[in-house]
Amino acid sequence: VTVFANRWKNAGLVDVFWALGLVGMAIVYGKLGHGWQPRQFMVTFTLFVANLRLAWHLARRFQREFPKEDSRYHSLR
């Protein structure tokens, strides 16, 4: 991700992969977590759906605004 972000001079792609990483963490929690199974499933499912939706939203925004970098990253650069 860093290679593409540096090549394109656009760090907005990092947001998408951050959200996808949280989707992966929800799956890991669901597989390895301990506790009451119904609650574990509800928490896992909620985190999975919420972060998948966030990743989708961020990917669409990145694609729509691609040549232009998000102002947060632009000011840091």
N, C-alpha and C. Protein backbone atom coordinates (compact mmCIF):
# COMPACT_ATOMS: atom_id res chain seq x y z
N VAL A 1 0.83 -1.19 0.00
CA VAL A 1 0.00 0.00 0.00
C VAL A 1 0.87 1.25 0.00
N THR A 2 1.92 1.23 0.78
CA THR A 2 2.80 2.39 0.86
C THR A 2 3.46 2.67 -0.49
N VAL A 3 3.82 1.62 -1.20
CA VAL A 3 4.46 1.80 -2.51
C VAL A 3 3.52 2.54 -3.46
N PHE A 4 2.25 2.11 -3.51
CA PHE A 4 1.28 2.77 -4.38
C PHE A 4 0.99 4.20 -3.90
N ALA A 5 0.87 4.37 -2.59
CA ALA A 5 0.59 5.71 -2.06
C ALA A 5 1.72 6.67 -2.40
N ASN A 6 2.95 6.23 -2.31
CA ASN A 6 4.09 7.09 -2.65
C ASN A 6 4.17 7.34 -4.15
N ARG A 7 3.92 6.30 -4.94
CA ARG A 7 4.00 6.45 -6.39
C ARG A 7 2.93 7.41 -6.89
N TRP A 8 1.72 7.28 -6.35
CA TRP A 8 0.60 8.12 -6.80
C TRP A 8 0.56 9.47 -6.09
N LYS A 9 1.38 9.65 -5.06
CA LYS A 9 1.36 10.85 -4.22
C LYS A 9 -0.05 11.09 -3.67
N ASN A 10 -0.65 9.99 -3.20
CA ASN A 10 -2.01 10.04 -2.67
C ASN A 10 -2.13 8.98 -1.58
N ALA A 11 -2.18 9.40 -0.33
CA ALA A 11 -2.22 8.48 0.79
C ALA A 11 -3.63 8.06 1.19
N GLY A 12 -4.63 8.45 0.45
CA GLY A 12 -6.01 8.09 0.79
C GLY A 12 -6.27 6.61 0.72
N LEU A 13 -5.48 5.89 -0.03
CA LEU A 13 -5.63 4.44 -0.14
C LEU A 13 -5.39 3.75 1.21
N VAL A 14 -4.60 4.38 2.05
CA VAL A 14 -4.30 3.82 3.36
C VAL A 14 -5.58 3.67 4.19
N ASP A 15 -6.48 4.62 4.09
CA ASP A 15 -7.74 4.56 4.83
C ASP A 15 -8.53 3.30 4.47
N VAL A 16 -8.56 2.96 3.20
CA VAL A 16 -9.30 1.79 2.75
C VAL A 16 -8.72 0.53 3.37
N PHE A 17 -7.40 0.40 3.33
CA PHE A 17 -6.77 -0.80 3.86
C PHE A 17 -6.82 -0.85 5.38
N TRP A 18 -6.85 0.30 6.03
CA TRP A 18 -7.02 0.34 7.48
C TRP A 18 -8.39 -0.28 7.85
N ALA A 19 -9.42 0.13 7.16
CA ALA A 19 -10.76 -0.40 7.43
C ALA A 19 -10.82 -1.89 7.11
N LEU A 20 -10.18 -2.32 6.04
CA LEU A 20 -10.15 -3.75 5.71
C LEU A 20 -9.37 -4.54 6.76
N GLY A 21 -8.35 -3.94 7.33
CA GLY A 21 -7.62 -4.58 8.43
C GLY A 21 -8.51 -4.79 9.64
N LEU A 22 -9.39 -3.83 9.90
CA LEU A 22 -10.33 -3.99 11.02
C LEU A 22 -11.36 -5.09 10.73
N VAL A 23 -11.72 -5.28 9.46
CA VAL A 23 -12.58 -6.39 9.08
C VAL A 23 -11.87 -7.70 9.40
N GLY A 24 -10.60 -7.77 9.06
CA GLY A 24 -9.81 -8.96 9.37
C GLY A 24 -9.71 -9.21 10.86
N MET A 25 -9.55 -8.16 11.64
CA MET A 25 -9.49 -8.31 13.09
C MET A 25 -10.82 -8.81 13.66
N ALA A 26 -11.92 -8.39 13.08
CA ALA A 26 -13.22 -8.89 13.52
C ALA A 26 -13.31 -10.39 13.28
N ILE A 27 -12.81 -10.84 12.15
CA ILE A 27 -12.83 -12.28 11.85
C ILE A 27 -11.95 -13.04 12.83
N VAL A 28 -10.77 -12.51 13.12
CA VAL A 28 -9.87 -13.16 14.07
C VAL A 28 -10.53 -13.23 15.45
N TYR A 29 -11.15 -12.14 15.87
CA TYR A 29 -11.86 -12.14 17.15
C TYR A 29 -12.95 -13.21 17.16
N GLY A 30 -13.68 -13.31 16.08
CA GLY A 30 -14.75 -14.29 16.00
C GLY A 30 -14.25 -15.72 16.11
N LYS A 31 -13.08 -15.98 15.56
CA LYS A 31 -12.51 -17.33 15.60
C LYS A 31 -11.82 -17.64 16.91
N LEU A 32 -11.09 -16.68 17.46
CA LEU A 32 -10.24 -16.95 18.61
C LEU A 32 -10.78 -16.41 19.94
N GLY A 33 -11.80 -15.59 19.90
CA GLY A 33 -12.31 -14.97 21.12
C GLY A 33 -12.98 -15.98 22.05
N HIS A 34 -13.05 -15.61 23.30
CA HIS A 34 -13.70 -16.45 24.31
C HIS A 34 -14.89 -15.70 24.87
N GLY A 35 -15.81 -16.42 25.43
CA GLY A 35 -16.97 -15.79 26.03
C GLY A 35 -18.25 -16.42 25.56
N TRP A 36 -19.32 -15.78 25.93
CA TRP A 36 -20.65 -16.27 25.59
C TRP A 36 -20.83 -16.18 24.08
N GLN A 37 -21.11 -17.30 23.45
CA GLN A 37 -21.13 -17.40 21.99
C GLN A 37 -22.10 -16.42 21.30
N PRO A 38 -23.33 -16.27 21.76
CA PRO A 38 -24.22 -15.31 21.08
C PRO A 38 -23.67 -13.87 21.10
N ARG A 39 -23.12 -13.46 22.22
CA ARG A 39 -22.56 -12.11 22.30
C ARG A 39 -21.32 -11.99 21.41
N GLN A 40 -20.49 -13.03 21.42
CA GLN A 40 -19.29 -13.03 20.58
C GLN A 40 -19.68 -12.92 19.11
N PHE A 41 -20.70 -13.64 18.70
CA PHE A 41 -21.16 -13.57 17.31
C PHE A 41 -21.70 -12.18 16.99
N MET A 42 -22.50 -11.60 17.89
CA MET A 42 -23.07 -10.28 17.63
C MET A 42 -21.99 -9.21 17.51
N VAL A 43 -21.00 -9.26 18.39
CA VAL A 43 -19.91 -8.27 18.33
C VAL A 43 -19.11 -8.46 17.05
N THR A 44 -18.78 -9.71 16.74
CA THR A 44 -18.03 -10.00 15.52
C THR A 44 -18.79 -9.55 14.29
N PHE A 45 -20.06 -9.88 14.21
CA PHE A 45 -20.87 -9.53 13.06
C PHE A 45 -20.99 -8.01 12.92
N THR A 46 -21.21 -7.33 14.04
CA THR A 46 -21.34 -5.87 14.01
C THR A 46 -20.05 -5.21 13.53
N LEU A 47 -18.91 -5.64 14.08
CA LEU A 47 -17.63 -5.08 13.66
C LEU A 47 -17.34 -5.39 12.19
N PHE A 48 -17.67 -6.60 11.77
CA PHE A 48 -17.44 -7.01 10.39
C PHE A 48 -18.24 -6.13 9.43
N VAL A 49 -19.53 -6.00 9.69
CA VAL A 49 -20.40 -5.22 8.78
C VAL A 49 -20.04 -3.74 8.80
N ALA A 50 -19.82 -3.19 9.98
CA ALA A 50 -19.53 -1.76 10.10
C ALA A 50 -18.23 -1.40 9.37
N ASN A 51 -17.20 -2.20 9.56
CA ASN A 51 -15.92 -1.87 8.93
C ASN A 51 -15.89 -2.22 7.45
N LEU A 52 -16.65 -3.22 7.04
CA LEU A 52 -16.76 -3.50 5.62
C LEU A 52 -17.49 -2.34 4.91
N ARG A 53 -18.52 -1.83 5.56
CA ARG A 53 -19.23 -0.67 5.01
C ARG A 53 -18.31 0.54 4.95
N LEU A 54 -17.52 0.76 5.99
CA LEU A 54 -16.57 1.87 6.00
C LEU A 54 -15.54 1.72 4.88
N ALA A 55 -15.02 0.52 4.70
CA ALA A 55 -14.04 0.28 3.63
C ALA A 55 -14.66 0.55 2.27
N TRP A 56 -15.90 0.12 2.08
CA TRP A 56 -16.60 0.36 0.81
C TRP A 56 -16.76 1.86 0.56
N HIS A 57 -17.19 2.58 1.57
CA HIS A 57 -17.37 4.02 1.45
C HIS A 57 -16.04 4.72 1.13
N LEU A 58 -14.99 4.36 1.84
CA LEU A 58 -13.70 4.99 1.62
C LEU A 58 -13.13 4.65 0.25
N ALA A 59 -13.35 3.42 -0.20
CA ALA A 59 -12.87 3.03 -1.53
C ALA A 59 -13.60 3.81 -2.62
N ARG A 60 -14.90 3.97 -2.46
CA ARG A 60 -15.66 4.76 -3.44
C ARG A 60 -15.20 6.20 -3.45
N ARG A 61 -14.96 6.77 -2.27
CA ARG A 61 -14.50 8.16 -2.19
C ARG A 61 -13.10 8.30 -2.81
N PHE A 62 -12.23 7.34 -2.52
CA PHE A 62 -10.89 7.38 -3.09
C PHE A 62 -10.95 7.31 -4.61
N GLN A 63 -11.79 6.43 -5.12
CA GLN A 63 -11.92 6.27 -6.57
C GLN A 63 -12.50 7.53 -7.22
N ARG A 64 -13.47 8.13 -6.56
CA ARG A 64 -14.13 9.33 -7.10
C ARG A 64 -13.17 10.53 -7.13
N GLU A 65 -12.34 10.65 -6.10
CA GLU A 65 -11.46 11.82 -5.98
C GLU A 65 -10.02 11.49 -6.31
N PHE A 66 -9.76 10.40 -7.01
CA PHE A 66 -8.41 9.84 -7.13
C PHE A 66 -7.28 10.82 -7.42
N PRO A 67 -7.30 11.59 -8.44
CA PRO A 67 -6.09 12.41 -8.65
C PRO A 67 -5.83 13.37 -7.49
N LYS A 68 -6.89 13.82 -6.86
CA LYS A 68 -6.76 14.79 -5.77
C LYS A 68 -6.60 14.04 -4.45
N GLU A 69 -5.62 14.45 -3.67
CA GLU A 69 -5.38 13.82 -2.37
C GLU A 69 -6.25 14.47 -1.30
N ASP A 70 -6.68 13.66 -0.33
CA ASP A 70 -7.46 14.15 0.80
C ASP A 70 -6.68 15.27 1.49
N SER A 71 -7.39 16.32 1.90
CA SER A 71 -6.71 17.50 2.47
C SER A 71 -5.92 17.17 3.73
N ARG A 72 -6.36 16.16 4.49
CA ARG A 72 -5.60 15.77 5.70
C ARG A 72 -4.21 15.31 5.32
N TYR A 73 -4.12 14.45 4.33
CA TYR A 73 -2.82 13.92 3.92
C TYR A 73 -2.02 14.95 3.14
N HIS A 74 -2.72 15.76 2.37
CA HIS A 74 -2.02 16.79 1.61
C HIS A 74 -1.31 17.77 2.55
N SER A 75 -1.97 18.14 3.65
CA SER A 75 -1.32 19.08 4.59
C SER A 75 -0.15 18.43 5.30
N LEU A 76 -0.21 17.12 5.53
CA LEU A 76 0.91 16.43 6.16
C LEU A 76 2.10 16.30 5.19
N ARG A 77 1.78 16.13 3.93
CA ARG A 77 2.83 15.97 2.93
C ARG A 77 3.60 17.27 2.76
